[in-house]
Amino acid sequence: MKYDFDKVIDRKETHAVKWDRYLLDEFFGTSDVLPLWVADMDFQCPQSVIDALKNKAEEGIYGYTWHKHPTYYEAIKGWMKRRHNWEIEDDWIVYSPGIVPAIKVIIRNFSNPGDKIIVQSPVYYPFFTAITSNGRQILNNQLKLVNDRYEIDFTDFEEKAKDPLCKLFILCSPHNPVGRVWTKEELLRMGEICLKHDVLVISDEIHNDLILPGEKHVIFSELSKEIENITIMCTAPSKTFNLAGLQMSNIIIPNEKIREQVNIAFRERNSLGIPNAFGLAALIAAYSEG
């Protein structure tokens, strides 16, 4: 079905973070601004998602929800296979209400206060607060602007990675905000450096479905079995289908030992194990029919 991208929807006075005048006044001192500061689209969700939410609303009971069901797993696995030709297993998928909360939990679980974490600025600003609010230090592998294109300083990246206090690297792929879709060669080089220096990779790939023609997104975990083994991949339907308010993210972890630590941290230490009833319905519909 052809989607109508020309339909204009007024989201003001709908409690939308992007357009709420009270929030804009608080953040910017005025509500008379163009809200380009948040990755939230003004397009309606696919009709399949709208229908699924209507059906859920008509049930009339909105109790605690359990997601570990074949429909949930098949929706995510099917999307990854169709869209990215990546075959994953049920057990690899860990639910989180959001990627930023997941990153914060992972930081606390796989590093200690005072440890260091690599980021590549200019980058999504919550990465910085996720690090500093947990008492860790930022290792900034600054991207280089070369002929109007951002590139990785690999010499500096390895210098950062071999720091004895460096425990994690937060990869943004595709990169937000510079827009780079990293090549397989670039990703492989970063992965090999992380392997060499025993650095765990949090790979934020939330924008991996929003790629311009002529570009190809490479799943970081697919580079090699060795790199797969040190990667915690984060993705979600929120950017692809405009579902951010429904709080559903997929943390995909092939390494069983790492996955079990994340599961314990999510469920038992942070109570992140039960999804929103409407979010679950939307995720299944989006990935299955969107």
C-alpha atoms as a PDB file:
ATOM      1  CA  MET A   1       0.000   0.000   0.000  1.00  0.00           C
ATOM      2  CA  LYS A   2       1.329   3.430  -0.945  1.00  0.00           C
ATOM      3  CA  TYR A   3       1.946   5.692   2.046  1.00  0.00           C
ATOM      4  CA  ASP A   4       0.796   9.321   1.966  1.00  0.00           C
ATOM      5  CA  PHE A   5       3.817  11.361   3.036  1.00  0.00           C
ATOM      6  CA  ASP A   6       2.063  14.620   2.112  1.00  0.00           C
ATOM      7  CA  LYS A   7      -0.618  14.412   4.791  1.00  0.00           C
ATOM      8  CA  VAL A   8      -0.097  17.219   7.321  1.00  0.00           C
ATOM      9  CA  ILE A   9      -0.895  16.365  10.938  1.00  0.00           C
ATOM     10  CA  ASP A  10      -1.090  19.057  13.623  1.00  0.00           C
ATOM     11  CA  ARG A  11       0.482  17.527  16.738  1.00  0.00           C
ATOM     12  CA  LYS A  12       0.281  20.622  18.907  1.00  0.00           C
ATOM     13  CA  GLU A  13      -1.623  20.206  22.192  1.00  0.00           C
ATOM     14  CA  THR A  14      -1.273  16.411  21.976  1.00  0.00           C
ATOM     15  CA  HIS A  15       1.445  16.094  24.658  1.00  0.00           C
ATOM     16  CA  ALA A  16       4.010  15.499  21.903  1.00  0.00           C
ATOM     17  CA  VAL A  17       7.518  16.244  23.227  1.00  0.00           C
ATOM     18  CA  LYS A  18       8.444  17.695  19.857  1.00  0.00           C
ATOM     19  CA  TRP A  19       5.651  20.271  19.784  1.00  0.00           C
ATOM     20  CA  ASP A  20       4.539  20.818  23.400  1.00  0.00           C
ATOM     21  CA  ARG A  21       4.629  24.560  24.071  1.00  0.00           C
ATOM     22  CA  TYR A  22       5.290  24.147  27.787  1.00  0.00           C
ATOM     23  CA  LEU A  23       8.300  21.914  27.170  1.00  0.00           C
ATOM     24  CA  LEU A  24       9.630  24.190  24.420  1.00  0.00           C
ATOM     25  CA  ASP A  25       9.290  27.206  26.712  1.00  0.00           C
ATOM     26  CA  GLU A  26      11.218  25.336  29.399  1.00  0.00           C
ATOM     27  CA  PHE A  27      13.981  24.161  27.044  1.00  0.00           C
ATOM     28  CA  PHE A  28      14.367  27.145  24.734  1.00  0.00           C
ATOM     29  CA  GLY A  29      12.677  30.073  26.463  1.00  0.00           C
ATOM     30  CA  THR A  30      10.069  30.265  23.702  1.00  0.00           C
ATOM     31  CA  SER A  31       7.641  27.947  21.948  1.00  0.00           C
ATOM     32  CA  ASP A  32       8.138  29.783  18.640  1.00  0.00           C
ATOM     33  CA  VAL A  33      10.792  27.387  17.338  1.00  0.00           C
ATOM     34  CA  LEU A  34      11.122  24.685  14.706  1.00  0.00           C
ATOM     35  CA  PRO A  35      11.640  21.460  16.704  1.00  0.00           C
ATOM     36  CA  LEU A  36      14.482  19.847  14.792  1.00  0.00           C
ATOM     37  CA  TRP A  37      16.176  18.695  18.003  1.00  0.00           C
ATOM     38  CA  VAL A  38      14.444  15.335  18.445  1.00  0.00           C
ATOM     39  CA  ALA A  39      14.225  12.262  16.176  1.00  0.00           C
ATOM     40  CA  ASP A  40      10.439  12.153  16.084  1.00  0.00           C
ATOM     41  CA  MET A  41       8.619  12.241  12.748  1.00  0.00           C
ATOM     42  CA  ASP A  42       5.313  13.910  11.936  1.00  0.00           C
ATOM     43  CA  PHE A  43       4.102  10.993   9.813  1.00  0.00           C
ATOM     44  CA  GLN A  44       1.377   8.655  10.995  1.00  0.00           C
ATOM     45  CA  CYS A  45       2.286   5.088  11.880  1.00  0.00           C
ATOM     46  CA  PRO A  46       1.437   2.335   9.371  1.00  0.00           C
ATOM     47  CA  GLN A  47      -2.239   1.394   9.245  1.00  0.00           C
ATOM     48  CA  SER A  48      -1.392  -2.086  10.536  1.00  0.00           C
ATOM     49  CA  VAL A  49      -0.066  -0.521  13.749  1.00  0.00           C
ATOM     50  CA  ILE A  50      -3.093   1.756  14.139  1.00  0.00           C
ATOM     51  CA  ASP A  51      -5.411  -1.228  13.685  1.00  0.00           C
ATOM     52  CA  ALA A  52      -3.449  -3.321  16.192  1.00  0.00           C
ATOM     53  CA  LEU A  53      -3.686  -0.564  18.794  1.00  0.00           C
ATOM     54  CA  LYS A  54      -7.417  -0.166  18.196  1.00  0.00           C
ATOM     55  CA  ASN A  55      -7.878  -3.901  18.692  1.00  0.00           C
ATOM     56  CA  LYS A  56      -5.849  -3.798  21.898  1.00  0.00           C
ATOM     57  CA  ALA A  57      -7.863  -0.832  23.183  1.00  0.00           C
ATOM     58  CA  GLU A  58     -11.123  -2.654  22.477  1.00  0.00           C
ATOM     59  CA  GLU A  59     -10.040  -5.560  24.676  1.00  0.00           C
ATOM     60  CA  GLY A  60     -10.746  -3.259  27.606  1.00  0.00           C
ATOM     61  CA  ILE A  61      -8.222  -4.871  29.962  1.00  0.00           C
ATOM     62  CA  TYR A  62      -4.676  -3.531  30.071  1.00  0.00           C
ATOM     63  CA  GLY A  63      -2.934  -5.720  32.615  1.00  0.00           C
ATOM     64  CA  TYR A  64       0.638  -6.861  32.920  1.00  0.00           C
ATOM     65  CA  THR A  65       1.962  -8.113  29.605  1.00  0.00           C
ATOM     66  CA  TRP A  66       4.225 -11.052  28.762  1.00  0.00           C
ATOM     67  CA  HIS A  67       6.217 -10.773  25.558  1.00  0.00           C
ATOM     68  CA  LYS A  68       8.055 -14.120  25.361  1.00  0.00           C
ATOM     69  CA  HIS A  69       5.661 -15.556  22.822  1.00  0.00           C
ATOM     70  CA  PRO A  70       6.242 -16.889  19.271  1.00  0.00           C
ATOM     71  CA  THR A  71       4.469 -13.902  17.691  1.00  0.00           C
ATOM     72  CA  TYR A  72       6.950 -11.516  19.336  1.00  0.00           C
ATOM     73  CA  TYR A  73      10.042 -13.474  18.386  1.00  0.00           C
ATOM     74  CA  GLU A  74       8.883 -14.240  14.845  1.00  0.00           C
ATOM     75  CA  ALA A  75       8.073 -10.571  14.212  1.00  0.00           C
ATOM     76  CA  ILE A  76      11.566  -9.399  15.154  1.00  0.00           C
ATOM     77  CA  LYS A  77      13.389 -12.308  13.524  1.00  0.00           C
ATOM     78  CA  GLY A  78      11.328 -11.999  10.354  1.00  0.00           C
ATOM     79  CA  TRP A  79      12.079  -8.289  10.026  1.00  0.00           C
ATOM     80  CA  MET A  80      15.794  -8.789  10.557  1.00  0.00           C
ATOM     81  CA  LYS A  81      15.862 -11.551   7.968  1.00  0.00           C
ATOM     82  CA  ARG A  82      13.802  -9.719   5.332  1.00  0.00           C
ATOM     83  CA  ARG A  83      15.333  -6.314   5.833  1.00  0.00           C
ATOM     84  CA  HIS A  84      18.945  -7.121   6.703  1.00  0.00           C
ATOM     85  CA  ASN A  85      19.363 -10.795   5.761  1.00  0.00           C
ATOM     86  CA  TRP A  86      20.396 -11.436   9.365  1.00  0.00           C
ATOM     87  CA  GLU A  87      19.220 -14.635  10.998  1.00  0.00           C
ATOM     88  CA  ILE A  88      18.931 -14.415  14.762  1.00  0.00           C
ATOM     89  CA  GLU A  89      17.647 -16.728  17.470  1.00  0.00           C
ATOM     90  CA  ASP A  90      14.831 -16.219  19.970  1.00  0.00           C
ATOM     91  CA  ASP A  91      17.176 -16.370  22.940  1.00  0.00           C
ATOM     92  CA  TRP A  92      19.322 -13.536  21.617  1.00  0.00           C
ATOM     93  CA  ILE A  93      16.511 -10.989  22.000  1.00  0.00           C
ATOM     94  CA  VAL A  94      16.256  -9.070  25.269  1.00  0.00           C
ATOM     95  CA  TYR A  95      13.406  -6.606  25.804  1.00  0.00           C
ATOM     96  CA  SER A  96      14.092  -3.063  26.998  1.00  0.00           C
ATOM     97  CA  PRO A  97      11.732  -0.060  27.150  1.00  0.00           C
ATOM     98  CA  GLY A  98      14.392   2.019  25.423  1.00  0.00           C
ATOM     99  CA  ILE A  99      17.936   1.982  24.151  1.00  0.00           C
ATOM    100  CA  VAL A 100      19.220   4.744  26.445  1.00  0.00           C
ATOM    101  CA  PRO A 101      18.006   2.961  29.616  1.00  0.00           C
ATOM    102  CA  ALA A 102      19.587  -0.221  28.264  1.00  0.00           C
ATOM    103  CA  ILE A 103      22.910   1.518  27.635  1.00  0.00           C
ATOM    104  CA  LYS A 104      22.939   2.886  31.181  1.00  0.00           C
ATOM    105  CA  VAL A 105      22.298  -0.548  32.676  1.00  0.00           C
ATOM    106  CA  ILE A 106      24.966  -2.130  30.464  1.00  0.00           C
ATOM    107  CA  ILE A 107      27.502   0.528  31.479  1.00  0.00           C
ATOM    108  CA  ARG A 108      26.859  -0.158  35.159  1.00  0.00           C
ATOM    109  CA  ASN A 109      27.080  -3.908  34.656  1.00  0.00           C
ATOM    110  CA  PHE A 110      30.222  -4.131  32.499  1.00  0.00           C
ATOM    111  CA  SER A 111      32.398  -1.373  33.935  1.00  0.00           C
ATOM    112  CA  ASN A 112      33.288   0.204  37.253  1.00  0.00           C
ATOM    113  CA  PRO A 113      33.260   3.828  38.421  1.00  0.00           C
ATOM    114  CA  GLY A 114      36.313   5.541  36.985  1.00  0.00           C
ATOM    115  CA  ASP A 115      36.489   3.276  33.931  1.00  0.00           C
ATOM    116  CA  LYS A 116      36.494   4.814  30.457  1.00  0.00           C
ATOM    117  CA  ILE A 117      34.138   4.481  27.487  1.00  0.00           C
ATOM    118  CA  ILE A 118      34.755   5.478  23.859  1.00  0.00           C
ATOM    119  CA  VAL A 119      32.298   7.638  21.922  1.00  0.00           C
ATOM    120  CA  GLN A 120      32.712   9.314  18.542  1.00  0.00           C
ATOM    121  CA  SER A 121      31.590  12.928  18.645  1.00  0.00           C
ATOM    122  CA  PRO A 122      29.703  14.757  17.365  1.00  0.00           C
ATOM    123  CA  VAL A 123      27.262  12.102  18.544  1.00  0.00           C
ATOM    124  CA  TYR A 124      23.855  11.605  20.158  1.00  0.00           C
ATOM    125  CA  TYR A 125      24.143  13.583  23.401  1.00  0.00           C
ATOM    126  CA  PRO A 126      22.562  11.007  25.804  1.00  0.00           C
ATOM    127  CA  PHE A 127      25.657   8.840  25.294  1.00  0.00           C
ATOM    128  CA  PHE A 128      27.637  11.420  27.262  1.00  0.00           C
ATOM    129  CA  THR A 129      25.186  11.645  30.150  1.00  0.00           C
ATOM    130  CA  ALA A 130      24.851   7.842  30.256  1.00  0.00           C
ATOM    131  CA  ILE A 131      28.605   7.696  30.874  1.00  0.00           C
ATOM    132  CA  THR A 132      29.141  10.616  33.240  1.00  0.00           C
ATOM    133  CA  SER A 133      25.987  10.072  35.319  1.00  0.00           C
ATOM    134  CA  ASN A 134      27.328   6.619  36.160  1.00  0.00           C
ATOM    135  CA  GLY A 135      30.728   7.902  37.255  1.00  0.00           C
ATOM    136  CA  ARG A 136      32.597   6.720  34.159  1.00  0.00           C
ATOM    137  CA  GLN A 137      34.943   8.762  31.976  1.00  0.00           C
ATOM    138  CA  ILE A 138      34.509   9.736  28.323  1.00  0.00           C
ATOM    139  CA  LEU A 139      37.140   8.818  25.751  1.00  0.00           C
ATOM    140  CA  ASN A 140      36.260  10.994  22.773  1.00  0.00           C
ATOM    141  CA  ASN A 141      37.397   9.588  19.426  1.00  0.00           C
ATOM    142  CA  GLN A 142      36.537  12.785  17.540  1.00  0.00           C
ATOM    143  CA  LEU A 143      35.347  12.206  13.977  1.00  0.00           C
ATOM    144  CA  LYS A 144      37.274  14.101  11.292  1.00  0.00           C
ATOM    145  CA  LEU A 145      35.519  16.224   8.677  1.00  0.00           C
ATOM    146  CA  VAL A 146      37.299  15.485   5.387  1.00  0.00           C
ATOM    147  CA  ASN A 147      35.915  16.948   2.141  1.00  0.00           C
ATOM    148  CA  ASP A 148      32.435  17.399   3.652  1.00  0.00           C
ATOM    149  CA  ARG A 149      32.391  13.815   4.943  1.00  0.00           C
ATOM    150  CA  TYR A 150      33.018  12.594   8.469  1.00  0.00           C
ATOM    151  CA  GLU A 151      35.674   9.910   8.838  1.00  0.00           C
ATOM    152  CA  ILE A 152      37.120   7.889  11.716  1.00  0.00           C
ATOM    153  CA  ASP A 153      40.536   8.687  13.158  1.00  0.00           C
ATOM    154  CA  PHE A 154      41.679   5.081  13.546  1.00  0.00           C
ATOM    155  CA  THR A 155      45.052   5.964  15.055  1.00  0.00           C
ATOM    156  CA  ASP A 156      43.314   7.863  17.833  1.00  0.00           C
ATOM    157  CA  PHE A 157      40.667   5.135  18.150  1.00  0.00           C
ATOM    158  CA  GLU A 158      43.309   2.514  18.905  1.00  0.00           C
ATOM    159  CA  GLU A 159      45.080   4.839  21.335  1.00  0.00           C
ATOM    160  CA  LYS A 160      41.802   5.181  23.215  1.00  0.00           C
ATOM    161  CA  ALA A 161      40.995   1.458  23.039  1.00  0.00           C
ATOM    162  CA  LYS A 162      44.336   0.343  24.485  1.00  0.00           C
ATOM    163  CA  ASP A 163      43.885   2.483  27.617  1.00  0.00           C
ATOM    164  CA  PRO A 164      43.757  -0.084  30.472  1.00  0.00           C
ATOM    165  CA  LEU A 165      40.673   1.651  31.869  1.00  0.00           C
ATOM    166  CA  CYS A 166      38.774   1.485  28.562  1.00  0.00           C
ATOM    167  CA  LYS A 167      36.034  -1.127  28.937  1.00  0.00           C
ATOM    168  CA  LEU A 168      33.338  -0.173  26.430  1.00  0.00           C
ATOM    169  CA  PHE A 169      32.801   1.465  23.049  1.00  0.00           C
ATOM    170  CA  ILE A 170      29.406   2.937  22.153  1.00  0.00           C
ATOM    171  CA  LEU A 171      29.137   2.672  18.380  1.00  0.00           C
ATOM    172  CA  CYS A 172      26.454   4.699  16.605  1.00  0.00           C
ATOM    173  CA  SER A 173      25.693   2.989  13.283  1.00  0.00           C
ATOM    174  CA  PRO A 174      24.344   4.628  11.183  1.00  0.00           C
ATOM    175  CA  HIS A 175      25.823   7.628  12.930  1.00  0.00           C
ATOM    176  CA  ASN A 176      23.556  10.200  14.563  1.00  0.00           C
ATOM    177  CA  PRO A 177      23.824  13.086  13.781  1.00  0.00           C
ATOM    178  CA  VAL A 178      26.487  13.097  11.028  1.00  0.00           C
ATOM    179  CA  GLY A 179      24.547  10.637   8.871  1.00  0.00           C
ATOM    180  CA  ARG A 180      27.418   8.322   7.975  1.00  0.00           C
ATOM    181  CA  VAL A 181      26.544   4.762   7.030  1.00  0.00           C
ATOM    182  CA  TRP A 182      29.818   3.115   8.002  1.00  0.00           C
ATOM    183  CA  THR A 183      31.352   0.809   5.414  1.00  0.00           C
ATOM    184  CA  LYS A 184      32.080  -2.826   6.140  1.00  0.00           C
ATOM    185  CA  GLU A 185      35.797  -2.031   6.087  1.00  0.00           C
ATOM    186  CA  GLU A 186      35.434   0.775   8.635  1.00  0.00           C
ATOM    187  CA  LEU A 187      33.325  -1.367  10.944  1.00  0.00           C
ATOM    188  CA  LEU A 188      35.662  -4.340  10.629  1.00  0.00           C
ATOM    189  CA  ARG A 189      38.668  -2.213  11.505  1.00  0.00           C
ATOM    190  CA  MET A 190      36.949  -0.873  14.638  1.00  0.00           C
ATOM    191  CA  GLY A 191      35.817  -4.372  15.569  1.00  0.00           C
ATOM    192  CA  GLU A 192      39.310  -5.813  15.241  1.00  0.00           C
ATOM    193  CA  ILE A 193      40.743  -3.048  17.424  1.00  0.00           C
ATOM    194  CA  CYS A 194      38.118  -3.748  20.087  1.00  0.00           C
ATOM    195  CA  LEU A 195      38.900  -7.472  19.934  1.00  0.00           C
ATOM    196  CA  LYS A 196      42.622  -6.782  20.266  1.00  0.00           C
ATOM    197  CA  HIS A 197      42.154  -4.648  23.377  1.00  0.00           C
ATOM    198  CA  ASP A 198      39.252  -6.529  24.996  1.00  0.00           C
ATOM    199  CA  VAL A 199      36.707  -3.718  24.583  1.00  0.00           C
ATOM    200  CA  LEU A 200      33.003  -4.604  24.700  1.00  0.00           C
ATOM    201  CA  VAL A 201      30.898  -2.923  21.988  1.00  0.00           C
ATOM    202  CA  ILE A 202      27.439  -1.441  22.478  1.00  0.00           C
ATOM    203  CA  SER A 203      26.238  -1.033  18.889  1.00  0.00           C
ATOM    204  CA  ASP A 204      23.334   1.423  18.652  1.00  0.00           C
ATOM    205  CA  GLU A 205      21.773   0.613  15.274  1.00  0.00           C
ATOM    206  CA  ILE A 206      18.362   2.193  15.841  1.00  0.00           C
ATOM    207  CA  HIS A 207      18.471   4.068  12.510  1.00  0.00           C
ATOM    208  CA  ASN A 208      19.497   1.030  10.469  1.00  0.00           C
ATOM    209  CA  ASP A 209      16.278   0.934   8.430  1.00  0.00           C
ATOM    210  CA  LEU A 210      16.478   4.592   7.362  1.00  0.00           C
ATOM    211  CA  ILE A 211      19.130   4.382   4.662  1.00  0.00           C
ATOM    212  CA  LEU A 212      19.381   6.442   1.483  1.00  0.00           C
ATOM    213  CA  PRO A 213      19.486   4.690  -1.911  1.00  0.00           C
ATOM    214  CA  GLY A 214      22.954   3.512  -2.804  1.00  0.00           C
ATOM    215  CA  GLU A 215      23.970   2.885   0.802  1.00  0.00           C
ATOM    216  CA  LYS A 216      23.999  -0.433   2.655  1.00  0.00           C
ATOM    217  CA  HIS A 217      23.827  -0.872   6.401  1.00  0.00           C
ATOM    218  CA  VAL A 218      26.125  -3.564   7.765  1.00  0.00           C
ATOM    219  CA  ILE A 219      25.089  -5.233  11.022  1.00  0.00           C
ATOM    220  CA  PHE A 220      28.120  -4.987  13.319  1.00  0.00           C
ATOM    221  CA  SER A 221      27.542  -8.443  14.820  1.00  0.00           C
ATOM    222  CA  GLU A 222      27.654 -10.008  11.356  1.00  0.00           C
ATOM    223  CA  LEU A 223      31.250  -8.994  10.660  1.00  0.00           C
ATOM    224  CA  SER A 224      32.680 -12.156  12.233  1.00  0.00           C
ATOM    225  CA  LYS A 225      31.924 -14.688  14.945  1.00  0.00           C
ATOM    226  CA  GLU A 226      34.607 -13.093  17.093  1.00  0.00           C
ATOM    227  CA  ILE A 227      33.095  -9.613  16.767  1.00  0.00           C
ATOM    228  CA  GLU A 228      29.602 -11.027  17.292  1.00  0.00           C
ATOM    229  CA  ASN A 229      30.882 -12.403  20.587  1.00  0.00           C
ATOM    230  CA  ILE A 230      31.776  -8.931  21.966  1.00  0.00           C
ATOM    231  CA  THR A 231      28.730  -7.052  20.656  1.00  0.00           C
ATOM    232  CA  ILE A 232      25.519  -5.924  22.321  1.00  0.00           C
ATOM    233  CA  MET A 233      23.325  -4.698  19.456  1.00  0.00           C
ATOM    234  CA  CYS A 234      20.548  -2.184  20.167  1.00  0.00           C
ATOM    235  CA  THR A 235      17.651  -1.535  17.827  1.00  0.00           C
ATOM    236  CA  ALA A 236      13.952  -0.679  17.946  1.00  0.00           C
ATOM    237  CA  PRO A 237      10.898  -0.042  15.778  1.00  0.00           C
ATOM    238  CA  SER A 238      10.634   3.495  17.150  1.00  0.00           C
ATOM    239  CA  LYS A 239      12.518   5.393  14.430  1.00  0.00           C
ATOM    240  CA  THR A 240      11.461   3.186  11.515  1.00  0.00           C
ATOM    241  CA  PHE A 241       7.740   3.307  12.326  1.00  0.00           C
ATOM    242  CA  ASN A 242       7.535   6.397  14.595  1.00  0.00           C
ATOM    243  CA  LEU A 243       6.692   4.443  17.761  1.00  0.00           C
ATOM    244  CA  ALA A 244       8.987   6.116  20.316  1.00  0.00           C
ATOM    245  CA  GLY A 245       6.158   6.805  22.767  1.00  0.00           C
ATOM    246  CA  LEU A 246       5.344   3.096  23.062  1.00  0.00           C
ATOM    247  CA  GLN A 247       8.723   2.192  24.606  1.00  0.00           C
ATOM    248  CA  MET A 248       9.806  -1.021  22.885  1.00  0.00           C
ATOM    249  CA  SER A 249      13.439  -1.790  22.078  1.00  0.00           C
ATOM    250  CA  ASN A 250      15.322  -4.925  21.096  1.00  0.00           C
ATOM    251  CA  ILE A 251      18.699  -5.644  22.665  1.00  0.00           C
ATOM    252  CA  ILE A 252      20.207  -8.474  20.612  1.00  0.00           C
ATOM    253  CA  ILE A 253      23.035 -10.393  22.280  1.00  0.00           C
ATOM    254  CA  PRO A 254      24.405 -13.583  20.695  1.00  0.00           C
ATOM    255  CA  ASN A 255      26.941 -14.184  23.500  1.00  0.00           C
ATOM    256  CA  GLU A 256      25.131 -16.310  26.097  1.00  0.00           C
ATOM    257  CA  LYS A 257      27.282 -15.260  29.054  1.00  0.00           C
ATOM    258  CA  ILE A 258      26.918 -11.545  28.308  1.00  0.00           C
ATOM    259  CA  ARG A 259      23.199 -11.976  27.605  1.00  0.00           C
ATOM    260  CA  GLU A 260      22.566 -13.668  30.935  1.00  0.00           C
ATOM    261  CA  GLN A 261      24.299 -10.831  32.777  1.00  0.00           C
ATOM    262  CA  VAL A 262      22.172  -8.296  30.890  1.00  0.00           C
ATOM    263  CA  ASN A 263      18.980 -10.244  31.595  1.00  0.00           C
ATOM    264  CA  ILE A 264      19.734 -10.346  35.313  1.00  0.00           C
ATOM    265  CA  ALA A 265      20.596  -6.642  35.346  1.00  0.00           C
ATOM    266  CA  PHE A 266      17.432  -5.701  33.452  1.00  0.00           C
ATOM    267  CA  ARG A 267      14.962  -7.900  35.326  1.00  0.00           C
ATOM    268  CA  GLU A 268      16.268  -8.248  38.846  1.00  0.00           C
ATOM    269  CA  ARG A 269      18.196  -5.040  39.442  1.00  0.00           C
ATOM    270  CA  ASN A 270      16.233  -2.540  37.354  1.00  0.00           C
ATOM    271  CA  SER A 271      12.742  -4.069  36.866  1.00  0.00           C
ATOM    272  CA  LEU A 272      12.815  -3.627  33.080  1.00  0.00           C
ATOM    273  CA  GLY A 273      11.360  -7.007  32.155  1.00  0.00           C
ATOM    274  CA  ILE A 274       7.675  -6.319  31.430  1.00  0.00           C
ATOM    275  CA  PRO A 275       6.684  -4.353  28.300  1.00  0.00           C
ATOM    276  CA  ASN A 276       3.818  -1.966  27.710  1.00  0.00           C
ATOM    277  CA  ALA A 277       0.742  -3.832  26.426  1.00  0.00           C
ATOM    278  CA  PHE A 278       0.193  -1.378  23.584  1.00  0.00           C
ATOM    279  CA  GLY A 279       3.880  -1.253  22.738  1.00  0.00           C
ATOM    280  CA  LEU A 280       4.020  -5.009  22.294  1.00  0.00           C
ATOM    281  CA  ALA A 281       0.998  -5.005  19.982  1.00  0.00           C
ATOM    282  CA  ALA A 282       2.512  -2.178  17.937  1.00  0.00           C
ATOM    283  CA  LEU A 283       5.909  -3.861  17.618  1.00  0.00           C
ATOM    284  CA  ILE A 284       4.424  -7.126  16.373  1.00  0.00           C
ATOM    285  CA  ALA A 285       2.217  -5.333  13.843  1.00  0.00           C
ATOM    286  CA  ALA A 286       5.002  -3.043  12.633  1.00  0.00           C
ATOM    287  CA  TYR A 287       7.577  -5.757  12.087  1.00  0.00           C
ATOM    288  CA  SER A 288       5.064  -8.240  10.665  1.00  0.00           C
ATOM    289  CA  GLU A 289       3.048  -5.961   8.369  1.00  0.00           C
ATOM    290  CA  GLY A 290       4.693  -2.521   8.332  1.00  0.00           C
END
